[in-house]
Amino acid sequence: MSQRELAIRTGMTEKHISTVISGQKNISPLFARRLEYALGIDASFWMNLQRNYDEEIIEYEEIHAISDEEFSILDHLDGAANTFADCDLLQVTDNKIEMVLNYRKFLGISDLTNIPKLSALNTYYLPANSNAEMYALFAWQKLCELFNKDIDISCDIDIDRLVDSIPDIKKVMSEKPNMLQMYLSDIFSKCGIAFSIVPQIKGVSAQGYIKKTDSGPVLLCVPGNQKYADEFWFNIFHELSHLIDGDVKHTFIDFENSTEDIDLKADIKAENLLIKHQDYIEFVSSKKYERTIEIERFAKKQNVPDFIVKSRLAKDKYITWNDRKILEWGA
């Protein structure tokens, strides 16, 4: 069929037919319908052809528009790739173009170079000289949100109930690591908190993530890579201290060795929540810590495992601690 005949059959100009055939103009819904009349082939066929072509063009243009800066960000996300792969969340490949596109989809951003702009919208501050960490941290935030997305919390956060739940939290401190998610999630859910122990990402020094949702509940995540039990539990109580003191307005991320005033304040509160301050002062004044059995008795009185008391004593340089309890996350 000549272009002239097709133009007559479709009621379009020969010029229009020519520009479509040469790829200079798209197949519009109207033209697709007229092609259906002229050629007996459904309009949806022509529209699908156009859509597939448009997608190929967009993909081609995206691939060739990836900047060197965006490629360089892959280096900062290198530690995240293995974690995501282990969680079956991201397909990891040696092809840098594919990795950029995969990360765009996974992190929900059309250009990885815009991550710092999104990070600037949050109410946390990165430690000094940590621009490279920003990208891995953004990825860890995404991981935290994914771990919490299926947790259904029906009530707003209740600080009073959270404080009242401290004894219940202490009761599970000696449980096996693989049971902690279940026990703590159950306790926190009753307080309006969605809790998750999230795999840490290499290159991220965050020790806690808290996010208030628009609907009322709070997301609370801690990394599950701590080697020692006392570190893990101190992190938990440190984050609880932030919640109890009302430090969280929207998004809050804790960093290791932070010297921010609110973090130092949370450290002190966490210590006192774990071990009553006055009781501790009297204990060290009596020098009973010089006997292991007295440490165990004092720990029992405080309703905490003895490794919590030993950790505090070692931190304050009353004892030298060489037998810290190790968390075996696979057990």
C-alpha atoms as a PDB file:
ATOM      1  CA  MET A   1       0.000   0.000   0.000  1.00  0.00           C
ATOM      2  CA  SER A   2       1.367   3.408  -0.903  1.00  0.00           C
ATOM      3  CA  GLN A   3       1.648   6.204   1.639  1.00  0.00           C
ATOM      4  CA  ARG A   4      -0.889   8.153  -0.441  1.00  0.00           C
ATOM      5  CA  GLU A   5      -3.442   5.332  -0.207  1.00  0.00           C
ATOM      6  CA  LEU A   6      -2.836   4.933   3.520  1.00  0.00           C
ATOM      7  CA  ALA A   7      -3.308   8.673   3.967  1.00  0.00           C
ATOM      8  CA  ILE A   8      -6.672   8.486   2.205  1.00  0.00           C
ATOM      9  CA  ARG A   9      -7.797   5.431   4.169  1.00  0.00           C
ATOM     10  CA  THR A  10      -6.865   7.010   7.517  1.00  0.00           C
ATOM     11  CA  GLY A  11      -7.947  10.538   6.673  1.00  0.00           C
ATOM     12  CA  MET A  12      -4.477  11.887   7.490  1.00  0.00           C
ATOM     13  CA  THR A  13      -2.125  13.894   5.280  1.00  0.00           C
ATOM     14  CA  GLU A  14       0.641  12.236   3.293  1.00  0.00           C
ATOM     15  CA  LYS A  15       3.117  14.360   5.254  1.00  0.00           C
ATOM     16  CA  HIS A  16       1.785  12.968   8.541  1.00  0.00           C
ATOM     17  CA  ILE A  17       2.094   9.400   7.248  1.00  0.00           C
ATOM     18  CA  SER A  18       5.647  10.105   6.102  1.00  0.00           C
ATOM     19  CA  THR A  19       6.781  11.610   9.417  1.00  0.00           C
ATOM     20  CA  VAL A  20       5.364   8.649  11.393  1.00  0.00           C
ATOM     21  CA  ILE A  21       7.047   6.105   9.119  1.00  0.00           C
ATOM     22  CA  SER A  22      10.373   7.941   9.359  1.00  0.00           C
ATOM     23  CA  GLY A  23      10.155   8.001  13.154  1.00  0.00           C
ATOM     24  CA  GLN A  24       9.808  11.771  13.422  1.00  0.00           C
ATOM     25  CA  LYS A  25       6.307  11.630  14.924  1.00  0.00           C
ATOM     26  CA  ASN A  26       4.629   9.263  17.369  1.00  0.00           C
ATOM     27  CA  ILE A  27       1.555   7.134  16.777  1.00  0.00           C
ATOM     28  CA  SER A  28      -1.176   9.042  18.560  1.00  0.00           C
ATOM     29  CA  PRO A  29      -4.292   7.316  19.993  1.00  0.00           C
ATOM     30  CA  LEU A  30      -6.318   8.921  17.180  1.00  0.00           C
ATOM     31  CA  PHE A  31      -3.978   7.666  14.466  1.00  0.00           C
ATOM     32  CA  ALA A  32      -3.920   4.188  16.087  1.00  0.00           C
ATOM     33  CA  ARG A  33      -7.709   4.069  15.864  1.00  0.00           C
ATOM     34  CA  ARG A  34      -7.652   5.113  12.187  1.00  0.00           C
ATOM     35  CA  LEU A  35      -5.019   2.482  11.439  1.00  0.00           C
ATOM     36  CA  GLU A  36      -7.410  -0.053  12.948  1.00  0.00           C
ATOM     37  CA  TYR A  37     -10.088   1.013  10.468  1.00  0.00           C
ATOM     38  CA  ALA A  38      -7.685   1.092   7.501  1.00  0.00           C
ATOM     39  CA  LEU A  39      -5.698  -2.095   8.191  1.00  0.00           C
ATOM     40  CA  GLY A  40      -7.978  -4.191  10.382  1.00  0.00           C
ATOM     41  CA  ILE A  41      -5.392  -4.366  13.196  1.00  0.00           C
ATOM     42  CA  ASP A  42      -6.516  -3.318  16.695  1.00  0.00           C
ATOM     43  CA  ALA A  43      -5.576   0.154  17.881  1.00  0.00           C
ATOM     44  CA  SER A  44      -4.072  -1.428  21.014  1.00  0.00           C
ATOM     45  CA  PHE A  45      -1.450  -3.156  18.830  1.00  0.00           C
ATOM     46  CA  TRP A  46      -0.225   0.178  17.461  1.00  0.00           C
ATOM     47  CA  MET A  47      -0.344   1.823  20.895  1.00  0.00           C
ATOM     48  CA  ASN A  48       1.706  -1.037  22.382  1.00  0.00           C
ATOM     49  CA  LEU A  49       4.271  -0.645  19.625  1.00  0.00           C
ATOM     50  CA  GLN A  50       4.519   3.060  20.393  1.00  0.00           C
ATOM     51  CA  ARG A  51       4.796   2.480  24.154  1.00  0.00           C
ATOM     52  CA  ASN A  52       7.518  -0.150  23.726  1.00  0.00           C
ATOM     53  CA  TYR A  53       9.420   2.157  21.412  1.00  0.00           C
ATOM     54  CA  ASP A  54       9.112   5.064  23.845  1.00  0.00           C
ATOM     55  CA  GLU A  55      10.400   2.898  26.706  1.00  0.00           C
ATOM     56  CA  GLU A  56      13.391   1.783  24.645  1.00  0.00           C
ATOM     57  CA  ILE A  57      14.208   5.372  23.762  1.00  0.00           C
ATOM     58  CA  ILE A  58      13.946   6.472  27.411  1.00  0.00           C
ATOM     59  CA  GLU A  59      16.158   3.598  28.559  1.00  0.00           C
ATOM     60  CA  TYR A  60      18.701   4.386  25.854  1.00  0.00           C
ATOM     61  CA  GLU A  61      18.775   8.062  26.819  1.00  0.00           C
ATOM     62  CA  GLU A  62      19.009   7.255  30.550  1.00  0.00           C
ATOM     63  CA  ILE A  63      21.906   4.871  30.066  1.00  0.00           C
ATOM     64  CA  HIS A  64      23.858   7.374  28.007  1.00  0.00           C
ATOM     65  CA  ALA A  65      23.069  10.225  30.393  1.00  0.00           C
ATOM     66  CA  ILE A  66      24.552   8.599  33.522  1.00  0.00           C
ATOM     67  CA  SER A  67      27.244  10.952  34.763  1.00  0.00           C
ATOM     68  CA  ASP A  68      30.685  10.014  36.040  1.00  0.00           C
ATOM     69  CA  GLU A  69      29.621  11.431  39.412  1.00  0.00           C
ATOM     70  CA  GLU A  70      26.712   9.004  39.609  1.00  0.00           C
ATOM     71  CA  PHE A  71      28.996   6.101  38.675  1.00  0.00           C
ATOM     72  CA  SER A  72      31.390   7.149  41.452  1.00  0.00           C
ATOM     73  CA  ILE A  73      28.590   6.870  44.037  1.00  0.00           C
ATOM     74  CA  LEU A  74      28.581   3.113  43.433  1.00  0.00           C
ATOM     75  CA  ASP A  75      31.881   2.991  45.325  1.00  0.00           C
ATOM     76  CA  HIS A  76      30.172   4.500  48.382  1.00  0.00           C
ATOM     77  CA  LEU A  77      27.381   1.936  48.092  1.00  0.00           C
ATOM     78  CA  ASP A  78      29.709  -1.020  47.673  1.00  0.00           C
ATOM     79  CA  GLY A  79      29.208  -2.125  51.277  1.00  0.00           C
ATOM     80  CA  ALA A  80      25.441  -1.909  50.869  1.00  0.00           C
ATOM     81  CA  ALA A  81      25.349  -4.157  47.802  1.00  0.00           C
ATOM     82  CA  ASN A  82      26.304  -7.326  49.687  1.00  0.00           C
ATOM     83  CA  THR A  83      23.820  -6.617  52.473  1.00  0.00           C
ATOM     84  CA  PHE A  84      20.982  -6.053  50.013  1.00  0.00           C
ATOM     85  CA  ALA A  85      21.944  -9.168  48.065  1.00  0.00           C
ATOM     86  CA  ASP A  86      21.955 -11.254  51.259  1.00  0.00           C
ATOM     87  CA  CYS A  87      18.430  -9.987  51.976  1.00  0.00           C
ATOM     88  CA  ASP A  88      17.302 -10.766  48.382  1.00  0.00           C
ATOM     89  CA  LEU A  89      16.416  -7.115  47.862  1.00  0.00           C
ATOM     90  CA  LEU A  90      18.761  -6.113  45.061  1.00  0.00           C
ATOM     91  CA  GLN A  91      20.295  -7.845  42.073  1.00  0.00           C
ATOM     92  CA  VAL A  92      24.042  -7.295  42.189  1.00  0.00           C
ATOM     93  CA  THR A  93      25.999  -7.296  38.946  1.00  0.00           C
ATOM     94  CA  ASP A  94      29.441  -6.230  37.718  1.00  0.00           C
ATOM     95  CA  ASN A  95      27.745  -4.033  35.115  1.00  0.00           C
ATOM     96  CA  LYS A  96      27.922  -0.490  36.516  1.00  0.00           C
ATOM     97  CA  ILE A  97      25.111   0.768  34.298  1.00  0.00           C
ATOM     98  CA  GLU A  98      22.763  -1.929  35.577  1.00  0.00           C
ATOM     99  CA  MET A  99      23.801  -1.225  39.161  1.00  0.00           C
ATOM    100  CA  VAL A 100      23.010   2.486  38.829  1.00  0.00           C
ATOM    101  CA  LEU A 101      19.578   1.669  37.402  1.00  0.00           C
ATOM    102  CA  ASN A 102      18.967  -0.986  40.077  1.00  0.00           C
ATOM    103  CA  TYR A 103      19.890   1.412  42.859  1.00  0.00           C
ATOM    104  CA  ARG A 104      17.659   4.124  41.403  1.00  0.00           C
ATOM    105  CA  LYS A 105      14.674   1.782  41.542  1.00  0.00           C
ATOM    106  CA  PHE A 106      15.523   0.354  44.946  1.00  0.00           C
ATOM    107  CA  LEU A 107      16.227   3.689  46.635  1.00  0.00           C
ATOM    108  CA  GLY A 108      13.340   5.469  44.906  1.00  0.00           C
ATOM    109  CA  ILE A 109      15.338   8.267  43.296  1.00  0.00           C
ATOM    110  CA  SER A 110      15.878   9.111  39.619  1.00  0.00           C
ATOM    111  CA  ASP A 111      19.473  10.283  40.065  1.00  0.00           C
ATOM    112  CA  LEU A 112      21.801   9.059  42.817  1.00  0.00           C
ATOM    113  CA  THR A 113      23.537  12.420  42.926  1.00  0.00           C
ATOM    114  CA  ASN A 114      20.360  13.866  44.471  1.00  0.00           C
ATOM    115  CA  ILE A 115      20.694  11.749  47.620  1.00  0.00           C
ATOM    116  CA  PRO A 116      22.422  14.564  49.588  1.00  0.00           C
ATOM    117  CA  LYS A 117      19.453  16.842  48.842  1.00  0.00           C
ATOM    118  CA  LEU A 118      17.047  14.303  50.341  1.00  0.00           C
ATOM    119  CA  SER A 119      19.343  13.728  53.316  1.00  0.00           C
ATOM    120  CA  ALA A 120      19.321  17.467  53.988  1.00  0.00           C
ATOM    121  CA  LEU A 121      15.552  17.310  54.550  1.00  0.00           C
ATOM    122  CA  ASN A 122      16.021  15.093  57.609  1.00  0.00           C
ATOM    123  CA  THR A 123      16.704  16.325  61.123  1.00  0.00           C
ATOM    124  CA  TYR A 124      19.978  14.548  61.772  1.00  0.00           C
ATOM    125  CA  TYR A 125      23.567  15.564  61.358  1.00  0.00           C
ATOM    126  CA  LEU A 126      26.353  13.466  59.942  1.00  0.00           C
ATOM    127  CA  PRO A 127      29.648  13.228  61.810  1.00  0.00           C
ATOM    128  CA  ALA A 128      32.516  15.320  60.456  1.00  0.00           C
ATOM    129  CA  ASN A 129      34.192  14.161  57.248  1.00  0.00           C
ATOM    130  CA  SER A 130      31.444  11.709  56.406  1.00  0.00           C
ATOM    131  CA  ASN A 131      30.163  12.821  53.009  1.00  0.00           C
ATOM    132  CA  ALA A 132      30.942   9.383  51.622  1.00  0.00           C
ATOM    133  CA  GLU A 133      28.944   7.770  54.419  1.00  0.00           C
ATOM    134  CA  MET A 134      25.861   9.767  53.440  1.00  0.00           C
ATOM    135  CA  TYR A 135      25.058   7.452  50.532  1.00  0.00           C
ATOM    136  CA  ALA A 136      25.442   4.239  52.527  1.00  0.00           C
ATOM    137  CA  LEU A 137      23.420   5.806  55.333  1.00  0.00           C
ATOM    138  CA  PHE A 138      20.611   6.670  52.919  1.00  0.00           C
ATOM    139  CA  ALA A 139      20.616   3.050  51.792  1.00  0.00           C
ATOM    140  CA  TRP A 140      20.490   1.845  55.412  1.00  0.00           C
ATOM    141  CA  GLN A 141      17.479   4.071  56.061  1.00  0.00           C
ATOM    142  CA  LYS A 142      15.736   2.394  53.138  1.00  0.00           C
ATOM    143  CA  LEU A 143      16.604  -0.998  54.604  1.00  0.00           C
ATOM    144  CA  CYS A 144      15.163   0.024  57.989  1.00  0.00           C
ATOM    145  CA  GLU A 145      11.905   1.137  56.397  1.00  0.00           C
ATOM    146  CA  LEU A 146      11.636  -2.101  54.407  1.00  0.00           C
ATOM    147  CA  PHE A 147      12.152  -4.199  57.533  1.00  0.00           C
ATOM    148  CA  ASN A 148       9.308  -2.333  59.238  1.00  0.00           C
ATOM    149  CA  LYS A 149       6.856  -2.074  56.350  1.00  0.00           C
ATOM    150  CA  ASP A 150       4.891  -5.223  57.247  1.00  0.00           C
ATOM    151  CA  ILE A 151       4.671  -4.502  60.980  1.00  0.00           C
ATOM    152  CA  ASP A 152       1.125  -3.400  61.781  1.00  0.00           C
ATOM    153  CA  ILE A 153       0.927  -0.976  64.702  1.00  0.00           C
ATOM    154  CA  SER A 154      -2.607   0.080  65.617  1.00  0.00           C
ATOM    155  CA  CYS A 155      -1.819   2.667  68.307  1.00  0.00           C
ATOM    156  CA  ASP A 156       0.127   5.909  68.615  1.00  0.00           C
ATOM    157  CA  ILE A 157       3.345   5.940  70.601  1.00  0.00           C
ATOM    158  CA  ASP A 158       2.668   5.825  74.340  1.00  0.00           C
ATOM    159  CA  ILE A 159       5.677   7.083  76.319  1.00  0.00           C
ATOM    160  CA  ASP A 160       4.164   6.261  79.707  1.00  0.00           C
ATOM    161  CA  ARG A 161       3.564   2.684  78.640  1.00  0.00           C
ATOM    162  CA  LEU A 162       7.088   2.542  77.222  1.00  0.00           C
ATOM    163  CA  VAL A 163       8.528   3.546  80.602  1.00  0.00           C
ATOM    164  CA  ASP A 164       6.337   0.961  82.321  1.00  0.00           C
ATOM    165  CA  SER A 165       7.657  -1.672  79.875  1.00  0.00           C
ATOM    166  CA  ILE A 166      11.297  -1.273  80.947  1.00  0.00           C
ATOM    167  CA  PRO A 167      11.088  -4.249  83.377  1.00  0.00           C
ATOM    168  CA  ASP A 168       9.647  -6.429  80.586  1.00  0.00           C
ATOM    169  CA  ILE A 169      12.525  -5.443  78.302  1.00  0.00           C
ATOM    170  CA  LYS A 170      15.044  -6.340  80.999  1.00  0.00           C
ATOM    171  CA  LYS A 171      13.486  -9.781  81.340  1.00  0.00           C
ATOM    172  CA  VAL A 172      14.467 -10.746  77.773  1.00  0.00           C
ATOM    173  CA  MET A 173      18.051  -9.522  77.978  1.00  0.00           C
ATOM    174  CA  SER A 174      19.385 -13.039  78.523  1.00  0.00           C
ATOM    175  CA  GLU A 175      17.389 -14.614  75.678  1.00  0.00           C
ATOM    176  CA  LYS A 176      19.108 -16.054  72.608  1.00  0.00           C
ATOM    177  CA  PRO A 177      19.826 -13.436  69.907  1.00  0.00           C
ATOM    178  CA  ASN A 178      17.555 -15.106  67.348  1.00  0.00           C
ATOM    179  CA  MET A 179      14.600 -14.680  69.729  1.00  0.00           C
ATOM    180  CA  LEU A 180      15.147 -10.996  70.511  1.00  0.00           C
ATOM    181  CA  GLN A 181      13.321  -9.660  67.447  1.00  0.00           C
ATOM    182  CA  MET A 182      10.170 -11.529  68.392  1.00  0.00           C
ATOM    183  CA  TYR A 183      10.204 -10.605  72.089  1.00  0.00           C
ATOM    184  CA  LEU A 184      11.129  -6.948  71.637  1.00  0.00           C
ATOM    185  CA  SER A 185       8.773  -6.438  68.705  1.00  0.00           C
ATOM    186  CA  ASP A 186       5.907  -7.697  70.837  1.00  0.00           C
ATOM    187  CA  ILE A 187       6.779  -5.403  73.760  1.00  0.00           C
ATOM    188  CA  PHE A 188       7.328  -2.313  71.633  1.00  0.00           C
ATOM    189  CA  SER A 189       4.232  -2.816  69.467  1.00  0.00           C
ATOM    190  CA  LYS A 190       2.060  -2.356  72.556  1.00  0.00           C
ATOM    191  CA  CYS A 191       3.745   1.037  73.034  1.00  0.00           C
ATOM    192  CA  GLY A 192       3.094   2.189  69.445  1.00  0.00           C
ATOM    193  CA  ILE A 193       6.584   1.342  68.192  1.00  0.00           C
ATOM    194  CA  ALA A 194       7.461  -0.785  65.162  1.00  0.00           C
ATOM    195  CA  PHE A 195      10.794  -2.364  66.074  1.00  0.00           C
ATOM    196  CA  SER A 196      13.335  -4.176  63.914  1.00  0.00           C
ATOM    197  CA  ILE A 197      16.870  -5.459  64.246  1.00  0.00           C
ATOM    198  CA  VAL A 198      18.319  -4.533  60.853  1.00  0.00           C
ATOM    199  CA  PRO A 199      21.527  -5.786  59.199  1.00  0.00           C
ATOM    200  CA  GLN A 200      24.210  -3.154  59.297  1.00  0.00           C
ATOM    201  CA  ILE A 201      25.819  -1.818  56.127  1.00  0.00           C
ATOM    202  CA  LYS A 202      29.568  -1.573  55.858  1.00  0.00           C
ATOM    203  CA  GLY A 203      30.655   2.042  56.086  1.00  0.00           C
ATOM    204  CA  VAL A 204      27.697   3.147  58.220  1.00  0.00           C
ATOM    205  CA  SER A 205      28.409   4.120  61.824  1.00  0.00           C
ATOM    206  CA  ALA A 206      24.746   4.536  62.756  1.00  0.00           C
ATOM    207  CA  GLN A 207      23.710   2.710  65.909  1.00  0.00           C
ATOM    208  CA  GLY A 208      20.018   3.553  65.803  1.00  0.00           C
ATOM    209  CA  TYR A 209      17.264   4.895  63.558  1.00  0.00           C
ATOM    210  CA  ILE A 210      14.003   6.425  64.762  1.00  0.00           C
ATOM    211  CA  LYS A 211      11.293   7.841  62.525  1.00  0.00           C
ATOM    212  CA  LYS A 212       7.928   9.249  63.467  1.00  0.00           C
ATOM    213  CA  THR A 213       5.229   8.401  60.955  1.00  0.00           C
ATOM    214  CA  ASP A 214       2.356  10.656  59.932  1.00  0.00           C
ATOM    215  CA  SER A 215      -0.115   8.084  61.234  1.00  0.00           C
ATOM    216  CA  GLY A 216       1.209   8.112  64.800  1.00  0.00           C
ATOM    217  CA  PRO A 217       3.406   5.024  65.403  1.00  0.00           C
ATOM    218  CA  VAL A 218       7.202   5.258  65.523  1.00  0.00           C
ATOM    219  CA  LEU A 219       9.779   3.189  63.640  1.00  0.00           C
ATOM    220  CA  LEU A 220      12.719   2.072  65.766  1.00  0.00           C
ATOM    221  CA  CYS A 221      15.635   0.161  64.271  1.00  0.00           C
ATOM    222  CA  VAL A 222      18.969  -0.929  65.675  1.00  0.00           C
ATOM    223  CA  PRO A 223      21.768  -2.689  63.785  1.00  0.00           C
ATOM    224  CA  GLY A 224      22.172  -6.375  64.408  1.00  0.00           C
ATOM    225  CA  ASN A 225      25.903  -6.499  63.925  1.00  0.00           C
ATOM    226  CA  GLN A 226      27.047  -5.726  67.473  1.00  0.00           C
ATOM    227  CA  LYS A 227      29.504  -8.290  68.670  1.00  0.00           C
ATOM    228  CA  TYR A 228      28.935  -7.787  72.376  1.00  0.00           C
ATOM    229  CA  ALA A 229      25.694  -8.123  74.318  1.00  0.00           C
ATOM    230  CA  ASP A 230      26.335  -5.083  76.506  1.00  0.00           C
ATOM    231  CA  GLU A 231      26.769  -2.868  73.413  1.00  0.00           C
ATOM    232  CA  PHE A 232      23.538  -4.094  71.862  1.00  0.00           C
ATOM    233  CA  TRP A 233      21.472  -3.515  74.981  1.00  0.00           C
ATOM    234  CA  PHE A 234      23.010  -0.158  75.736  1.00  0.00           C
ATOM    235  CA  ASN A 235      22.043   0.904  72.190  1.00  0.00           C
ATOM    236  CA  ILE A 236      18.463  -0.199  72.836  1.00  0.00           C
ATOM    237  CA  PHE A 237      18.220   1.797  76.043  1.00  0.00           C
ATOM    238  CA  HIS A 238      19.993   4.763  74.451  1.00  0.00           C
ATOM    239  CA  GLU A 239      17.317   4.941  71.754  1.00  0.00           C
ATOM    240  CA  LEU A 240      14.561   4.514  74.342  1.00  0.00           C
ATOM    241  CA  SER A 241      16.056   7.456  76.216  1.00  0.00           C
ATOM    242  CA  HIS A 242      15.724   9.638  73.128  1.00  0.00           C
ATOM    243  CA  LEU A 243      12.071   8.633  72.793  1.00  0.00           C
ATOM    244  CA  ILE A 244      11.301   9.160  76.477  1.00  0.00           C
ATOM    245  CA  ASP A 245      12.959  12.604  76.470  1.00  0.00           C
ATOM    246  CA  GLY A 246      11.096  13.686  73.329  1.00  0.00           C
ATOM    247  CA  ASP A 247      14.237  14.185  71.245  1.00  0.00           C
ATOM    248  CA  VAL A 248      12.600  12.809  68.088  1.00  0.00           C
ATOM    249  CA  LYS A 249      10.598  15.254  65.988  1.00  0.00           C
ATOM    250  CA  HIS A 250      10.630  13.420  62.659  1.00  0.00           C
ATOM    251  CA  THR A 251      13.726  11.438  61.638  1.00  0.00           C
ATOM    252  CA  PHE A 252      16.533  10.717  64.064  1.00  0.00           C
ATOM    253  CA  ILE A 253      19.742   8.774  63.506  1.00  0.00           C
ATOM    254  CA  ASP A 254      22.265   7.993  66.216  1.00  0.00           C
ATOM    255  CA  PHE A 255      25.945   7.698  65.399  1.00  0.00           C
ATOM    256  CA  GLU A 256      28.680   5.873  67.246  1.00  0.00           C
ATOM    257  CA  ASN A 257      30.859   8.071  69.445  1.00  0.00           C
ATOM    258  CA  SER A 258      28.629  11.094  68.930  1.00  0.00           C
ATOM    259  CA  THR A 259      29.412  14.069  71.165  1.00  0.00           C
ATOM    260  CA  GLU A 260      26.135  15.878  70.578  1.00  0.00           C
ATOM    261  CA  ASP A 261      24.596  17.118  73.847  1.00  0.00           C
ATOM    262  CA  ILE A 262      21.387  15.153  73.360  1.00  0.00           C
ATOM    263  CA  ASP A 263      23.410  11.969  72.819  1.00  0.00           C
ATOM    264  CA  LEU A 264      25.483  12.516  75.947  1.00  0.00           C
ATOM    265  CA  LYS A 265      22.268  13.135  77.857  1.00  0.00           C
ATOM    266  CA  ALA A 266      20.762   9.934  76.404  1.00  0.00           C
ATOM    267  CA  ASP A 267      23.877   7.996  77.470  1.00  0.00           C
ATOM    268  CA  ILE A 268      23.404   9.075  81.069  1.00  0.00           C
ATOM    269  CA  LYS A 269      19.692   8.285  81.018  1.00  0.00           C
ATOM    270  CA  ALA A 270      20.348   4.858  79.476  1.00  0.00           C
ATOM    271  CA  GLU A 271      22.859   4.063  82.227  1.00  0.00           C
ATOM    272  CA  ASN A 272      20.317   5.010  84.881  1.00  0.00           C
ATOM    273  CA  LEU A 273      17.519   3.052  83.233  1.00  0.00           C
ATOM    274  CA  LEU A 274      19.699  -0.041  83.221  1.00  0.00           C
ATOM    275  CA  ILE A 275      21.143   0.445  86.721  1.00  0.00           C
ATOM    276  CA  LYS A 276      19.671   2.800  89.316  1.00  0.00           C
ATOM    277  CA  HIS A 277      22.148   5.619  89.845  1.00  0.00           C
ATOM    278  CA  GLN A 278      22.109   5.750  93.630  1.00  0.00           C
ATOM    279  CA  ASP A 279      22.341   1.968  93.929  1.00  0.00           C
ATOM    280  CA  TYR A 280      25.367   1.980  91.646  1.00  0.00           C
ATOM    281  CA  ILE A 281      27.101   4.723  93.647  1.00  0.00           C
ATOM    282  CA  GLU A 282      26.623   2.759  96.859  1.00  0.00           C
ATOM    283  CA  PHE A 283      27.799  -0.453  95.204  1.00  0.00           C
ATOM    284  CA  VAL A 284      31.080   0.971  93.954  1.00  0.00           C
ATOM    285  CA  SER A 285      31.639   2.843  97.229  1.00  0.00           C
ATOM    286  CA  SER A 286      31.431  -0.459  99.116  1.00  0.00           C
ATOM    287  CA  LYS A 287      33.962  -2.013  96.703  1.00  0.00           C
ATOM    288  CA  LYS A 288      31.842  -5.145  96.523  1.00  0.00           C
ATOM    289  CA  TYR A 289      32.600  -5.228  92.804  1.00  0.00           C
ATOM    290  CA  GLU A 290      35.930  -6.837  93.714  1.00  0.00           C
ATOM    291  CA  ARG A 291      34.048 -10.137  94.140  1.00  0.00           C
ATOM    292  CA  THR A 292      32.281 -11.756  91.186  1.00  0.00           C
ATOM    293  CA  ILE A 293      29.519 -13.169  93.332  1.00  0.00           C
ATOM    294  CA  GLU A 294      28.688  -9.663  94.607  1.00  0.00           C
ATOM    295  CA  ILE A 295      28.466  -8.386  91.024  1.00  0.00           C
ATOM    296  CA  GLU A 296      26.017 -11.174  90.242  1.00  0.00           C
ATOM    297  CA  ARG A 297      23.933 -10.339  93.307  1.00  0.00           C
ATOM    298  CA  PHE A 298      23.863  -6.656  92.441  1.00  0.00           C
ATOM    299  CA  ALA A 299      22.871  -7.442  88.830  1.00  0.00           C
ATOM    300  CA  LYS A 300      20.017  -9.608  90.060  1.00  0.00           C
ATOM    301  CA  LYS A 301      18.844  -6.774  92.301  1.00  0.00           C
ATOM    302  CA  GLN A 302      18.792  -4.445  89.270  1.00  0.00           C
ATOM    303  CA  ASN A 303      16.990  -7.097  87.177  1.00  0.00           C
ATOM    304  CA  VAL A 304      19.723  -7.125  84.539  1.00  0.00           C
ATOM    305  CA  PRO A 305      22.273  -9.766  83.467  1.00  0.00           C
ATOM    306  CA  ASP A 306      25.668  -9.491  85.141  1.00  0.00           C
ATOM    307  CA  PHE A 307      27.301  -8.480  81.843  1.00  0.00           C
ATOM    308  CA  ILE A 308      25.459  -5.154  82.067  1.00  0.00           C
ATOM    309  CA  VAL A 309      26.971  -4.425  85.485  1.00  0.00           C
ATOM    310  CA  LYS A 310      30.413  -5.591  84.385  1.00  0.00           C
ATOM    311  CA  SER A 311      30.212  -3.337  81.337  1.00  0.00           C
ATOM    312  CA  ARG A 312      29.417  -0.298  83.491  1.00  0.00           C
ATOM    313  CA  LEU A 313      32.212  -1.116  85.933  1.00  0.00           C
ATOM    314  CA  ALA A 314      34.700  -1.625  83.112  1.00  0.00           C
ATOM    315  CA  LYS A 315      33.653   1.644  81.464  1.00  0.00           C
ATOM    316  CA  ASP A 316      34.210   3.461  84.747  1.00  0.00           C
ATOM    317  CA  LYS A 317      37.559   1.655  85.123  1.00  0.00           C
ATOM    318  CA  TYR A 318      36.684  -0.164  88.334  1.00  0.00           C
ATOM    319  CA  ILE A 319      37.451  -3.528  86.771  1.00  0.00           C
ATOM    320  CA  THR A 320      39.290  -4.892  83.768  1.00  0.00           C
ATOM    321  CA  TRP A 321      36.908  -6.909  81.647  1.00  0.00           C
ATOM    322  CA  ASN A 322      38.292  -9.548  79.327  1.00  0.00           C
ATOM    323  CA  ASP A 323      35.351 -11.969  79.102  1.00  0.00           C
ATOM    324  CA  ARG A 324      32.583  -9.915  77.507  1.00  0.00           C
ATOM    325  CA  LYS A 325      29.481 -11.818  76.471  1.00  0.00           C
ATOM    326  CA  ILE A 326      29.458 -12.323  72.703  1.00  0.00           C
ATOM    327  CA  LEU A 327      26.206 -12.285  70.758  1.00  0.00           C
ATOM    328  CA  GLU A 328      25.909 -15.226  68.384  1.00  0.00           C
ATOM    329  CA  TRP A 329      23.244 -13.937  65.984  1.00  0.00           C
ATOM    330  CA  GLY A 330      22.853 -17.243  64.238  1.00  0.00           C
ATOM    331  CA  ALA A 331      22.063 -19.062  67.473  1.00  0.00           C
END
